[in-house]
Amino acid sequence: MGIINDVLFRDLVREVPSTTYATHTLYMYPAKFIPQVIRYVINKYSGPGDWLFDPFAGYGTVAIEASLTGRNAVLWDLNPITEVLVKASTFRGELRLSDFDVDWGFNKPYRPSWSNIHYWHPREFYEALSRAWGWWHYNVPAELKPVVAIPLLKVTRFFSYADLEIAKLYKSKKAVERVSTLLKGEWRQKMVSMYWGYARQTIEKIRDYQSRGPRDVEIDVKVGVDSLNTVLDRDVDVMVTSPPYLQAQEYIRSFKLELAWLDFGSRLTELAKHEIPYNNPSNIKVNSETYLKVREEVEKLNHGKLLDIYDAYFKSLTYFLNKNHERIKGVIAIFVGPTKIRNIRVPIDEILREHVETLIDTIISRRLFKVRKNPATGLKEERTPTEHLLVMRSKQ
């Protein structure tokens, strides 16, 4: 069955100084990989020049760690913002503060093609932002666009009705009060001042990344990718990924505001249709007894939507694995956290392991690692007691 070890990744991978070093927190992204997990897999299961693959790339943590360790990487994600985040986070060119110049009175404003945009910005903020974004779309050089987008996106979210403490796009009472207060003051001056503050932070983070010696590697990023209809076109050495959480997968919804300003407003509805909860492949068998047993328990809840989400999640992941596992020549490393549906424990790692056993002749490595504890007390963190790294490799 394999080996189970309880460890803390921060103790295993001392060479990674923190979860926020380099460009790992250049922009917010929910449920990100911690870089220590990626570095552990890279160190143990790959060598320089190998190819890594992350089909649910999210923020792009794998790209950062791959470039810092001399590995190439293929990254997929449904969310188009991933490409912006990866290119900004792995930017290797020279940066000056003047590269972030924006004409806040630009005479060619950009109007997002998203019908809900005015729900998220008062008219005054919308008009000012549209001119700054017009400058970004029509005047900023292509190679600098991802980098300049970071401070502009931060300002755009701050000057909106979006709650800043919740990853999901949510118009809260607190956010409405923030906007009301801003409108009563010198908000234009504050908007520009905040932008320049964020620009300086961006330069500082990118220079930290550059100071750590990123290598000349290939980072192949594909966004807008529906994994159910995409097949790897090359062999890779290691797949390392963290699939979306079972009941928290609406990342397109979380980033609709950013995506609208980045010129993806007309694609939002179509992209959202391909998120795992709504992208249920038919006639796919999940070869796992645990999956069937847990499904029986979920079915007893008499809640059709929860059952549909449960089925869609595992059918989507297994369909993806069925199509792409032969291209993965070494290790499959999947990082998952425990989850529950109405107090029913769903052991995602067990279900995926059992299914993969039907695809690969022999599982010769399986490790589950406890990775979280309260850093203040040193005690077990009850909110997320464990997260598991499931490592599988076919016998060559």
Protein backbone atom coordinates (compact mmCIF):
# COMPACT_ATOMS: atom_id res chain seq x y z
CA MET A 1 0.00 0.00 0.00
CA GLY A 2 2.89 2.41 0.44
CA ILE A 3 4.42 4.57 3.13
CA ILE A 4 2.79 7.19 5.32
CA ASN A 5 4.93 9.85 6.98
CA ASP A 6 3.88 12.81 9.11
CA VAL A 7 6.11 15.79 8.35
CA LEU A 8 6.11 19.55 7.91
CA PHE A 9 7.35 20.60 4.48
CA ARG A 10 8.88 23.76 5.88
CA ASP A 11 11.20 21.52 7.88
CA LEU A 12 11.98 19.23 4.94
CA VAL A 13 12.89 21.98 2.47
CA ARG A 14 15.15 24.41 4.30
CA GLU A 15 16.45 26.00 1.10
CA VAL A 16 13.08 27.72 0.56
CA PRO A 17 13.17 30.59 3.07
CA SER A 18 9.42 31.24 3.26
CA THR A 19 6.13 30.76 1.48
CA THR A 20 6.26 34.37 0.27
CA TYR A 21 9.83 34.66 -1.04
CA ALA A 22 10.69 35.78 -4.57
CA THR A 23 7.45 36.36 -6.54
CA HIS A 24 5.22 33.82 -4.81
CA THR A 25 2.87 36.52 -3.48
CA LEU A 26 3.02 39.01 -6.32
CA TYR A 27 -0.79 38.88 -6.54
CA MET A 28 -3.46 37.20 -4.48
CA TYR A 29 -4.68 33.75 -5.51
CA PRO A 30 -6.82 31.43 -3.38
CA ALA A 31 -5.61 28.00 -2.23
CA LYS A 32 -2.09 28.28 -3.65
CA PHE A 33 0.58 25.59 -3.49
CA ILE A 34 3.23 26.40 -0.92
CA PRO A 35 6.59 26.48 -2.74
CA GLN A 36 8.14 23.97 -0.30
CA VAL A 37 5.88 21.22 -1.66
CA ILE A 38 6.93 21.90 -5.24
CA ARG A 39 10.61 22.13 -4.31
CA TYR A 40 10.39 18.83 -2.42
CA VAL A 41 8.98 17.04 -5.48
CA ILE A 42 11.51 18.73 -7.78
CA ASN A 43 14.46 17.78 -5.58
CA LYS A 44 13.38 14.19 -4.98
CA TYR A 45 11.91 13.15 -8.31
CA SER A 46 13.50 15.27 -11.08
CA GLY A 47 16.82 16.45 -12.42
CA PRO A 48 18.08 19.57 -14.22
CA GLY A 49 16.48 19.92 -17.65
CA ASP A 50 13.53 17.66 -16.82
CA TRP A 51 10.01 18.65 -17.75
CA LEU A 52 7.39 19.34 -15.07
CA PHE A 53 3.67 19.44 -15.78
CA ASP A 54 0.93 21.19 -13.81
CA PRO A 55 -2.52 20.87 -15.43
CA PHE A 56 -4.17 23.05 -12.75
CA ALA A 57 -1.50 25.72 -12.60
CA GLY A 58 -3.46 28.45 -10.80
CA TYR A 59 -1.03 31.11 -9.62
CA GLY A 60 1.90 29.43 -11.37
CA THR A 61 3.97 28.32 -8.38
CA VAL A 62 5.41 25.45 -10.42
CA ALA A 63 6.75 27.89 -13.02
CA ILE A 64 8.62 29.93 -10.40
CA GLU A 65 10.16 26.89 -8.73
CA ALA A 66 10.98 25.25 -12.07
CA SER A 67 12.84 28.31 -13.32
CA LEU A 68 14.80 28.63 -10.07
CA THR A 69 15.93 24.99 -10.22
CA GLY A 70 16.63 24.61 -13.94
CA ARG A 71 13.56 22.58 -14.88
CA ASN A 72 11.28 23.18 -17.84
CA ALA A 73 7.54 23.29 -17.31
CA VAL A 74 4.21 22.88 -19.04
CA LEU A 75 1.39 24.69 -17.29
CA TRP A 76 -2.33 24.56 -18.07
CA ASP A 77 -5.20 26.43 -16.52
CA LEU A 78 -8.73 27.37 -17.46
CA ASN A 79 -8.24 30.83 -15.96
CA PRO A 80 -6.56 33.28 -18.39
CA ILE A 81 -5.10 35.31 -15.51
CA THR A 82 -2.61 32.46 -14.97
CA GLU A 83 -0.62 33.56 -18.01
CA VAL A 84 -0.33 37.12 -16.68
CA LEU A 85 0.74 35.88 -13.24
CA VAL A 86 3.31 33.41 -14.61
CA LYS A 87 4.89 35.92 -17.00
CA ALA A 88 5.07 38.59 -14.31
CA SER A 89 6.39 36.17 -11.68
CA THR A 90 9.16 34.85 -13.94
CA PHE A 91 10.09 38.18 -15.57
CA ARG A 92 13.82 38.36 -16.17
CA GLY A 93 14.22 41.70 -17.94
CA GLU A 94 15.51 44.93 -16.46
CA LEU A 95 12.85 46.95 -14.65
CA ARG A 96 12.75 50.66 -13.90
CA LEU A 97 10.03 52.56 -12.12
CA SER A 98 9.46 54.55 -15.32
CA ASP A 99 8.33 51.32 -17.01
CA PHE A 100 5.16 51.62 -14.91
CA ASP A 101 4.20 55.08 -16.20
CA VAL A 102 0.45 55.32 -16.81
CA ASP A 103 -1.47 58.24 -18.33
CA TRP A 104 -4.45 58.57 -15.98
CA GLY A 105 -6.07 61.02 -18.40
CA PHE A 106 -5.50 58.96 -21.55
CA ASN A 107 -7.92 59.96 -24.29
CA LYS A 108 -8.69 56.42 -25.46
CA PRO A 109 -10.41 54.69 -22.52
CA TYR A 110 -10.85 50.93 -22.43
CA ARG A 111 -14.43 49.74 -21.80
CA PRO A 112 -14.65 46.11 -20.63
CA SER A 113 -17.14 43.99 -22.56
CA TRP A 114 -18.81 42.67 -19.42
CA SER A 115 -22.34 43.75 -18.66
CA ASN A 116 -21.80 43.64 -14.87
CA ILE A 117 -18.80 45.96 -14.78
CA HIS A 118 -20.83 48.95 -13.50
CA TYR A 119 -22.14 46.89 -10.61
CA TRP A 120 -18.56 46.68 -9.28
CA HIS A 121 -17.38 50.26 -9.77
CA PRO A 122 -19.06 53.59 -9.09
CA ARG A 123 -19.14 55.80 -12.18
CA GLU A 124 -16.29 58.04 -10.99
CA PHE A 125 -13.88 55.18 -10.38
CA TYR A 126 -14.90 53.42 -13.57
CA GLU A 127 -14.10 56.46 -15.71
CA ALA A 128 -10.66 56.95 -14.13
CA LEU A 129 -9.77 53.26 -14.36
CA SER A 130 -10.94 52.99 -17.96
CA ARG A 131 -8.38 55.62 -18.98
CA ALA A 132 -5.55 53.89 -17.11
CA TRP A 133 -6.53 50.56 -18.63
CA GLY A 134 -6.74 52.21 -22.06
CA TRP A 135 -3.11 53.20 -21.63
CA TRP A 136 -2.25 49.61 -20.60
CA HIS A 137 -4.04 48.05 -23.57
CA TYR A 138 -2.84 50.44 -26.25
CA ASN A 139 0.53 51.84 -25.09
CA VAL A 140 2.35 49.43 -22.76
CA PRO A 141 4.81 47.19 -24.66
CA ALA A 142 3.77 43.53 -24.84
CA GLU A 143 6.75 42.29 -22.81
CA LEU A 144 5.90 44.68 -19.95
CA LYS A 145 2.14 44.18 -19.94
CA PRO A 146 2.08 41.30 -17.39
CA VAL A 147 4.32 43.22 -14.97
CA VAL A 148 2.46 46.54 -15.24
CA ALA A 149 -0.85 44.69 -14.90
CA ILE A 150 -0.02 43.66 -11.30
CA PRO A 151 -0.22 47.10 -9.63
CA LEU A 152 -3.04 48.16 -11.93
CA LEU A 153 -5.11 45.10 -10.99
CA LYS A 154 -4.50 45.74 -7.29
CA VAL A 155 -5.71 49.34 -7.59
CA THR A 156 -8.67 48.26 -9.70
CA ARG A 157 -9.83 45.79 -7.07
CA PHE A 158 -9.32 48.29 -4.22
CA PHE A 159 -11.42 50.92 -6.02
CA SER A 160 -14.35 48.56 -6.47
CA TYR A 161 -17.15 47.08 -4.38
CA ALA A 162 -15.24 43.80 -4.05
CA ASP A 163 -14.53 42.60 -0.54
CA LEU A 164 -10.75 42.66 -0.15
CA GLU A 165 -10.65 39.93 2.49
CA ILE A 166 -12.57 37.30 0.52
CA ALA A 167 -11.08 35.62 -2.55
CA LYS A 168 -14.48 35.11 -4.16
CA LEU A 169 -15.85 38.20 -5.89
CA TYR A 170 -18.32 39.47 -3.29
CA LYS A 171 -19.95 42.87 -2.74
CA SER A 172 -20.01 43.22 1.01
CA LYS A 173 -21.32 45.93 3.31
CA LYS A 174 -17.74 46.62 4.35
CA ALA A 175 -16.69 47.13 0.72
CA VAL A 176 -19.61 49.50 0.07
CA GLU A 177 -18.55 51.54 3.09
CA ARG A 178 -14.96 51.62 1.80
CA VAL A 179 -16.07 53.01 -1.56
CA SER A 180 -18.34 55.56 0.09
CA THR A 181 -15.46 56.80 2.24
CA LEU A 182 -13.13 57.00 -0.75
CA LEU A 183 -15.61 59.06 -2.77
CA LYS A 184 -15.78 61.65 0.00
CA GLY A 185 -12.02 62.24 -0.07
CA GLU A 186 -9.21 62.92 -2.53
CA TRP A 187 -9.71 59.57 -4.22
CA ARG A 188 -7.93 60.42 -7.50
CA GLN A 189 -4.75 61.30 -5.65
CA LYS A 190 -5.07 58.16 -3.54
CA MET A 191 -5.65 55.99 -6.63
CA VAL A 192 -2.44 57.20 -8.28
CA SER A 193 -0.46 57.08 -5.04
CA MET A 194 -1.57 53.50 -4.33
CA TYR A 195 -0.68 52.48 -7.88
CA TRP A 196 2.89 53.72 -7.47
CA GLY A 197 3.18 52.01 -4.10
CA TYR A 198 2.10 48.73 -5.67
CA ALA A 199 4.50 49.31 -8.59
CA ARG A 200 7.43 49.64 -6.18
CA GLN A 201 6.37 46.46 -4.38
CA THR A 202 6.20 44.66 -7.73
CA ILE A 203 9.71 45.73 -8.68
CA GLU A 204 11.01 44.66 -5.27
CA LYS A 205 9.46 41.20 -5.55
CA ILE A 206 10.67 40.65 -9.11
CA ARG A 207 14.19 41.76 -8.20
CA ASP A 208 14.15 39.31 -5.30
CA TYR A 209 13.22 36.56 -7.78
CA GLN A 210 15.93 37.67 -10.22
CA SER A 211 18.57 37.75 -7.45
CA ARG A 212 18.02 34.02 -6.87
CA GLY A 213 19.44 33.05 -10.25
CA PRO A 214 16.55 31.85 -12.42
CA ARG A 215 17.80 29.58 -15.20
CA ASP A 216 17.23 29.77 -18.93
CA VAL A 217 14.40 27.25 -19.19
CA GLU A 218 11.22 26.78 -21.21
CA ILE A 219 7.92 27.64 -19.56
CA ASP A 220 5.01 26.66 -21.80
CA VAL A 221 1.79 28.22 -20.50
CA LYS A 222 -1.61 27.40 -22.00
CA VAL A 223 -4.66 29.16 -20.57
CA GLY A 224 -8.35 28.83 -21.30
CA VAL A 225 -7.58 25.12 -21.26
CA ASP A 226 -10.33 22.63 -20.55
CA SER A 227 -8.43 19.56 -19.36
CA LEU A 228 -11.23 17.28 -20.57
CA ASN A 229 -10.56 18.31 -24.15
CA THR A 230 -6.80 18.73 -24.05
CA VAL A 231 -4.08 16.12 -24.47
CA LEU A 232 -0.39 16.49 -23.69
CA ASP A 233 1.55 16.85 -26.92
CA ARG A 234 4.91 15.93 -25.38
CA ASP A 235 6.37 13.56 -22.80
CA VAL A 236 6.99 15.00 -19.33
CA ASP A 237 9.05 13.64 -16.45
CA VAL A 238 6.93 14.71 -13.49
CA MET A 239 3.35 15.82 -13.05
CA VAL A 240 2.96 17.88 -9.88
CA THR A 241 -0.37 19.53 -9.28
CA SER A 242 -3.04 20.49 -6.78
CA PRO A 243 -6.52 20.05 -8.26
CA PRO A 244 -9.24 22.57 -7.37
CA TYR A 245 -10.92 21.90 -4.05
CA LEU A 246 -13.98 19.67 -4.24
CA GLN A 247 -16.45 22.39 -3.20
CA ALA A 248 -14.43 25.53 -3.93
CA GLN A 249 -13.65 25.47 -7.62
CA GLU A 250 -15.20 28.63 -9.06
CA TYR A 251 -11.95 30.44 -9.83
CA ILE A 252 -13.35 32.14 -12.95
CA ARG A 253 -16.04 33.72 -10.79
CA SER A 254 -13.42 34.87 -8.28
CA PHE A 255 -11.46 36.70 -10.99
CA LYS A 256 -14.25 38.08 -13.18
CA LEU A 257 -13.35 41.66 -12.33
CA GLU A 258 -9.67 41.22 -13.24
CA LEU A 259 -10.49 39.23 -16.35
CA ALA A 260 -12.95 41.86 -17.57
CA TRP A 261 -10.28 44.59 -17.45
CA LEU A 262 -7.74 42.24 -19.06
CA ASP A 263 -10.09 41.95 -22.09
CA PHE A 264 -11.68 38.57 -21.35
CA GLY A 265 -15.11 40.00 -20.52
CA SER A 266 -16.79 38.42 -23.54
CA ARG A 267 -15.45 34.96 -22.60
CA LEU A 268 -16.41 34.83 -18.93
CA THR A 269 -19.64 32.86 -19.36
CA GLU A 270 -18.05 30.33 -21.69
CA LEU A 271 -15.01 29.83 -19.46
CA ALA A 272 -17.17 29.32 -16.37
CA LYS A 273 -19.06 26.52 -18.13
CA HIS A 274 -15.85 24.48 -18.23
CA GLU A 275 -15.07 24.62 -14.52
CA ILE A 276 -15.12 21.20 -12.91
CA PRO A 277 -18.49 21.49 -11.12
CA TYR A 278 -20.21 22.09 -14.47
CA ASN A 279 -18.00 20.01 -16.73
CA ASN A 280 -19.20 16.48 -16.13
CA PRO A 281 -17.89 13.93 -18.64
CA SER A 282 -20.44 11.23 -19.35
CA ASN A 283 -19.79 7.48 -19.32
CA ILE A 284 -16.56 7.73 -17.31
CA LYS A 285 -15.91 5.01 -14.78
CA VAL A 286 -14.03 5.90 -11.63
CA ASN A 287 -12.18 2.70 -10.77
CA SER A 288 -12.26 3.10 -7.01
CA GLU A 289 -14.21 1.16 -4.41
CA THR A 290 -13.79 4.07 -2.01
CA TYR A 291 -15.38 6.42 -4.54
CA LEU A 292 -18.45 4.16 -4.77
CA LYS A 293 -18.76 3.75 -1.01
CA VAL A 294 -18.56 7.48 -0.36
CA ARG A 295 -20.95 8.13 -3.23
CA GLU A 296 -23.57 5.94 -1.53
CA GLU A 297 -23.27 8.10 1.57
CA VAL A 298 -23.56 11.32 -0.44
CA GLU A 299 -26.57 9.93 -2.27
CA LYS A 300 -28.34 9.40 1.07
CA LEU A 301 -28.29 13.16 1.61
CA ASN A 302 -30.95 13.51 -1.11
CA HIS A 303 -29.20 16.60 -2.40
CA GLY A 304 -28.87 16.35 -6.16
CA LYS A 305 -26.49 19.29 -6.56
CA LEU A 306 -23.99 17.92 -4.04
CA LEU A 307 -24.08 14.52 -5.72
CA ASP A 308 -23.55 16.15 -9.13
CA ILE A 309 -20.52 18.08 -7.81
CA TYR A 310 -19.08 14.92 -6.27
CA ASP A 311 -19.47 12.96 -9.51
CA ALA A 312 -18.24 15.81 -11.72
CA TYR A 313 -15.12 16.30 -9.63
CA PHE A 314 -13.91 12.71 -9.73
CA LYS A 315 -15.07 11.96 -13.26
CA SER A 316 -13.25 15.05 -14.52
CA LEU A 317 -10.00 14.15 -12.77
CA THR A 318 -10.10 10.52 -13.83
CA TYR A 319 -10.96 11.43 -17.41
CA PHE A 320 -7.94 13.73 -17.47
CA LEU A 321 -5.68 11.00 -16.02
CA ASN A 322 -7.02 8.41 -18.47
CA LYS A 323 -6.05 10.59 -21.41
CA ASN A 324 -2.68 11.87 -20.27
CA HIS A 325 -1.00 9.39 -17.92
CA GLU A 326 1.02 7.66 -20.67
CA ARG A 327 2.84 10.92 -21.40
CA ILE A 328 4.03 11.15 -17.78
CA LYS A 329 7.20 9.07 -17.69
CA GLY A 330 8.13 9.45 -14.06
CA VAL A 331 6.20 10.56 -11.01
CA ILE A 332 2.63 11.73 -10.59
CA ALA A 333 2.50 13.93 -7.48
CA ILE A 334 -0.92 15.21 -6.43
CA PHE A 335 -1.32 17.53 -3.45
CA VAL A 336 -4.79 17.40 -1.90
CA GLY A 337 -6.42 18.44 1.33
CA PRO A 338 -9.12 16.56 3.24
CA THR A 339 -12.68 17.58 2.55
CA LYS A 340 -16.17 16.80 3.73
CA ILE A 341 -19.61 16.91 2.21
CA ARG A 342 -22.12 17.47 5.00
CA ASN A 343 -19.83 15.72 7.52
CA ILE A 344 -19.09 12.87 5.10
CA ARG A 345 -15.32 12.49 4.83
CA VAL A 346 -14.13 12.38 1.21
CA PRO A 347 -10.60 10.87 1.01
CA ILE A 348 -9.59 12.37 -2.35
CA ASP A 349 -6.08 10.90 -2.21
CA GLU A 350 -7.41 7.36 -1.63
CA ILE A 351 -9.88 7.60 -4.49
CA LEU A 352 -7.29 8.91 -6.94
CA ARG A 353 -4.74 6.31 -5.82
CA GLU A 354 -7.19 3.46 -6.37
CA HIS A 355 -8.10 4.73 -9.82
CA VAL A 356 -4.48 5.22 -10.85
CA GLU A 357 -3.71 1.65 -9.80
CA THR A 358 -5.87 0.56 -12.75
CA LEU A 359 -3.84 2.75 -15.12
CA ILE A 360 -0.32 1.94 -13.92
CA ASP A 361 1.03 -1.56 -13.42
CA THR A 362 2.64 -0.97 -10.05
CA ILE A 363 2.48 1.85 -7.57
CA ILE A 364 5.91 1.88 -6.00
CA SER A 365 5.72 5.06 -4.00
CA ARG A 366 2.92 6.56 -2.01
CA ARG A 367 3.49 9.11 0.69
CA LEU A 368 1.04 11.20 2.63
CA PHE A 369 2.52 14.15 4.47
CA LYS A 370 1.06 16.19 7.24
CA VAL A 371 2.05 19.71 6.29
CA ARG A 372 0.26 22.17 8.53
CA LYS A 373 0.47 23.26 12.13
CA ASN A 374 -0.18 26.54 13.84
CA PRO A 375 3.08 28.51 13.50
CA ALA A 376 2.33 30.56 16.61
CA THR A 377 1.72 27.64 18.97
CA GLY A 378 3.44 24.76 17.21
CA LEU A 379 0.29 22.74 17.78
CA LYS A 380 -1.75 20.82 15.24
CA GLU A 381 -3.89 23.16 13.14
CA GLU A 382 -7.44 21.90 13.46
CA ARG A 383 -8.94 23.95 10.66
CA THR A 384 -6.83 22.12 8.10
CA PRO A 385 -5.39 19.21 10.09
CA THR A 386 -3.60 17.55 7.19
CA GLU A 387 -2.88 17.90 3.53
CA HIS A 388 -1.66 14.95 1.56
CA LEU A 389 0.98 14.58 -1.09
CA LEU A 390 0.12 11.48 -3.09
CA VAL A 391 3.15 10.28 -5.05
CA MET A 392 2.83 7.54 -7.65
CA ARG A 393 5.27 6.14 -10.15
CA SER A 394 4.99 3.39 -12.74
CA LYS A 395 7.53 0.60 -12.57
CA GLN A 396 9.88 1.01 -15.53
